[in-house]
Every structure is written in structure tokens, then in C-alpha cells.
Amino acid sequence: MDDRAAGAVMITISIVVMLAYIYLVFTPPPITVMGDPIDIFTLKVMGLIALATIFGLLSWIGYTLITSPRPEPEELGGGED
């Protein structure tokens, strides 16, 4: 799959997901999922995804800081030319 086709697929999926989200939150059908109305369940799932993304990224940055080697200090002052 070339880059243009992959980009078109990603745009299409993004638009479909956005439209489904808007529909489920603002005009929800009378469906319950795990005891909650579908609009509340959708908000809970999106909140979980957002929280997991933010703290997953924060954890990855922390792990990278812990495991990366320390840089060697540069010598200051009059070096030989």
C-alpha cells in the first residue's frame, strides 16, 4: 500500500469514528452497555483512552530518561587550538 492510499484510509477511518462518536454522544439510541446508557459509556471509554494515552506517554518519557546514558561533560576553558 502506498502512502497516498494509507493516508486516504486513515482519513476515512477518522471521519467515520468522529461521526460515530458525535452520534453516540449527542443523539444516542436507547441502548445500555454494562448498565450505563450508550452516551455515558462512550464518554467513559473516551476518557479512559485519553487518560491512558497521556499517562502512557508520560511513562514512556520517564522510562527513556531513566534508561538513557548520561552525556559526557564538556571541558570548559582554554583548550589547545
C-alpha atoms as a PDB file:
ATOM      1  CA  MET A   1       0.000   0.000   0.000  1.00  0.00           C
ATOM      2  CA  ASP A   2       1.495   3.326  -0.984  1.00  0.00           C
ATOM      3  CA  ASP A   3       1.476   6.454   1.192  1.00  0.00           C
ATOM      4  CA  ARG A   4      -1.473   8.078  -0.558  1.00  0.00           C
ATOM      5  CA  ALA A   5      -3.686   5.024  -0.109  1.00  0.00           C
ATOM      6  CA  ALA A   6      -2.674   4.694   3.550  1.00  0.00           C
ATOM      7  CA  GLY A   7      -3.452   8.383   4.068  1.00  0.00           C
ATOM      8  CA  ALA A   8      -6.862   8.017   2.426  1.00  0.00           C
ATOM      9  CA  VAL A   9      -7.675   5.019   4.640  1.00  0.00           C
ATOM     10  CA  MET A  10      -6.623   6.921   7.785  1.00  0.00           C
ATOM     11  CA  ILE A  11      -8.736   9.957   6.830  1.00  0.00           C
ATOM     12  CA  THR A  12     -11.754   7.750   6.096  1.00  0.00           C
ATOM     13  CA  ILE A  13     -11.432   5.870   9.394  1.00  0.00           C
ATOM     14  CA  SER A  14     -11.005   9.150  11.306  1.00  0.00           C
ATOM     15  CA  ILE A  15     -14.133  10.667   9.768  1.00  0.00           C
ATOM     16  CA  VAL A  16     -16.208   7.529  10.441  1.00  0.00           C
ATOM     17  CA  VAL A  17     -15.039   7.373  14.083  1.00  0.00           C
ATOM     18  CA  MET A  18     -15.747  11.094  14.608  1.00  0.00           C
ATOM     19  CA  LEU A  19     -19.235  10.775  13.149  1.00  0.00           C
ATOM     20  CA  ALA A  20     -19.976   7.687  15.253  1.00  0.00           C
ATOM     21  CA  TYR A  21     -18.766   9.490  18.383  1.00  0.00           C
ATOM     22  CA  ILE A  22     -20.905  12.546  17.648  1.00  0.00           C
ATOM     23  CA  TYR A  23     -23.946  10.338  17.008  1.00  0.00           C
ATOM     24  CA  LEU A  24     -23.477   8.236  20.150  1.00  0.00           C
ATOM     25  CA  VAL A  25     -22.921  11.230  22.444  1.00  0.00           C
ATOM     26  CA  PHE A  26     -25.429  13.768  21.109  1.00  0.00           C
ATOM     27  CA  THR A  27     -28.237  11.583  19.699  1.00  0.00           C
ATOM     28  CA  PRO A  28     -27.854   8.270  21.490  1.00  0.00           C
ATOM     29  CA  PRO A  29     -30.113   5.324  20.775  1.00  0.00           C
ATOM     30  CA  PRO A  30     -31.833   3.783  23.830  1.00  0.00           C
ATOM     31  CA  ILE A  31     -29.133   1.166  24.400  1.00  0.00           C
ATOM     32  CA  THR A  32     -27.384   0.323  27.662  1.00  0.00           C
ATOM     33  CA  VAL A  33     -23.880  -1.075  27.877  1.00  0.00           C
ATOM     34  CA  MET A  34     -22.723  -2.528  31.186  1.00  0.00           C
ATOM     35  CA  GLY A  35     -25.594  -0.767  32.956  1.00  0.00           C
ATOM     36  CA  ASP A  36     -24.914   2.711  31.517  1.00  0.00           C
ATOM     37  CA  PRO A  37     -26.678   4.471  28.658  1.00  0.00           C
ATOM     38  CA  ILE A  38     -24.594   4.330  25.467  1.00  0.00           C
ATOM     39  CA  ASP A  39     -23.731   8.048  25.584  1.00  0.00           C
ATOM     40  CA  ILE A  40     -22.302   7.810  29.116  1.00  0.00           C
ATOM     41  CA  PHE A  41     -20.465   4.599  28.232  1.00  0.00           C
ATOM     42  CA  THR A  42     -18.967   6.302  25.161  1.00  0.00           C
ATOM     43  CA  LEU A  43     -17.750   9.221  27.277  1.00  0.00           C
ATOM     44  CA  LYS A  44     -16.241   6.825  29.817  1.00  0.00           C
ATOM     45  CA  VAL A  45     -14.399   4.898  27.101  1.00  0.00           C
ATOM     46  CA  MET A  46     -13.057   8.093  25.500  1.00  0.00           C
ATOM     47  CA  GLY A  47     -11.950   9.390  28.900  1.00  0.00           C
ATOM     48  CA  LEU A  48     -10.142   6.124  29.555  1.00  0.00           C
ATOM     49  CA  ILE A  49      -8.421   6.263  26.166  1.00  0.00           C
ATOM     50  CA  ALA A  50      -7.352   9.883  26.742  1.00  0.00           C
ATOM     51  CA  LEU A  51      -6.047   9.135  30.228  1.00  0.00           C
ATOM     52  CA  ALA A  52      -4.188   6.018  29.091  1.00  0.00           C
ATOM     53  CA  THR A  53      -2.623   7.945  26.200  1.00  0.00           C
ATOM     54  CA  ILE A  54      -1.434  10.838  28.367  1.00  0.00           C
ATOM     55  CA  PHE A  55      -0.025   8.716  31.169  1.00  0.00           C
ATOM     56  CA  GLY A  56       1.351   6.104  28.762  1.00  0.00           C
ATOM     57  CA  LEU A  57       3.302   8.871  27.026  1.00  0.00           C
ATOM     58  CA  LEU A  58       4.445  10.238  30.384  1.00  0.00           C
ATOM     59  CA  SER A  59       5.610   6.764  31.435  1.00  0.00           C
ATOM     60  CA  TRP A  60       7.499   6.300  28.174  1.00  0.00           C
ATOM     61  CA  ILE A  61       9.267   9.642  28.649  1.00  0.00           C
ATOM     62  CA  GLY A  62      10.170   8.688  32.232  1.00  0.00           C
ATOM     63  CA  TYR A  63      11.473   5.297  31.132  1.00  0.00           C
ATOM     64  CA  THR A  64      13.555   6.942  28.418  1.00  0.00           C
ATOM     65  CA  LEU A  65      15.032   9.397  30.935  1.00  0.00           C
ATOM     66  CA  ILE A  66      15.880   6.581  33.347  1.00  0.00           C
ATOM     67  CA  THR A  67      17.491   4.266  30.793  1.00  0.00           C
ATOM     68  CA  SER A  68      19.363   6.748  28.600  1.00  0.00           C
ATOM     69  CA  PRO A  69      23.085   7.174  29.300  1.00  0.00           C
ATOM     70  CA  ARG A  70      24.258  10.425  30.829  1.00  0.00           C
ATOM     71  CA  PRO A  71      26.089  12.748  28.432  1.00  0.00           C
ATOM     72  CA  GLU A  72      29.784  13.288  28.950  1.00  0.00           C
ATOM     73  CA  PRO A  73      30.547  16.741  30.390  1.00  0.00           C
ATOM     74  CA  GLU A  74      32.269  19.119  28.023  1.00  0.00           C
ATOM     75  CA  GLU A  75      35.534  20.674  29.072  1.00  0.00           C
ATOM     76  CA  LEU A  76      35.364  24.383  29.610  1.00  0.00           C
ATOM     77  CA  GLY A  77      38.159  26.868  29.289  1.00  0.00           C
ATOM     78  CA  GLY A  78      41.230  27.261  27.160  1.00  0.00           C
ATOM     79  CA  GLY A  79      41.719  24.244  25.040  1.00  0.00           C
ATOM     80  CA  GLU A  80      44.584  23.954  22.614  1.00  0.00           C
ATOM     81  CA  ASP A  81      43.955  25.292  19.125  1.00  0.00           C
END
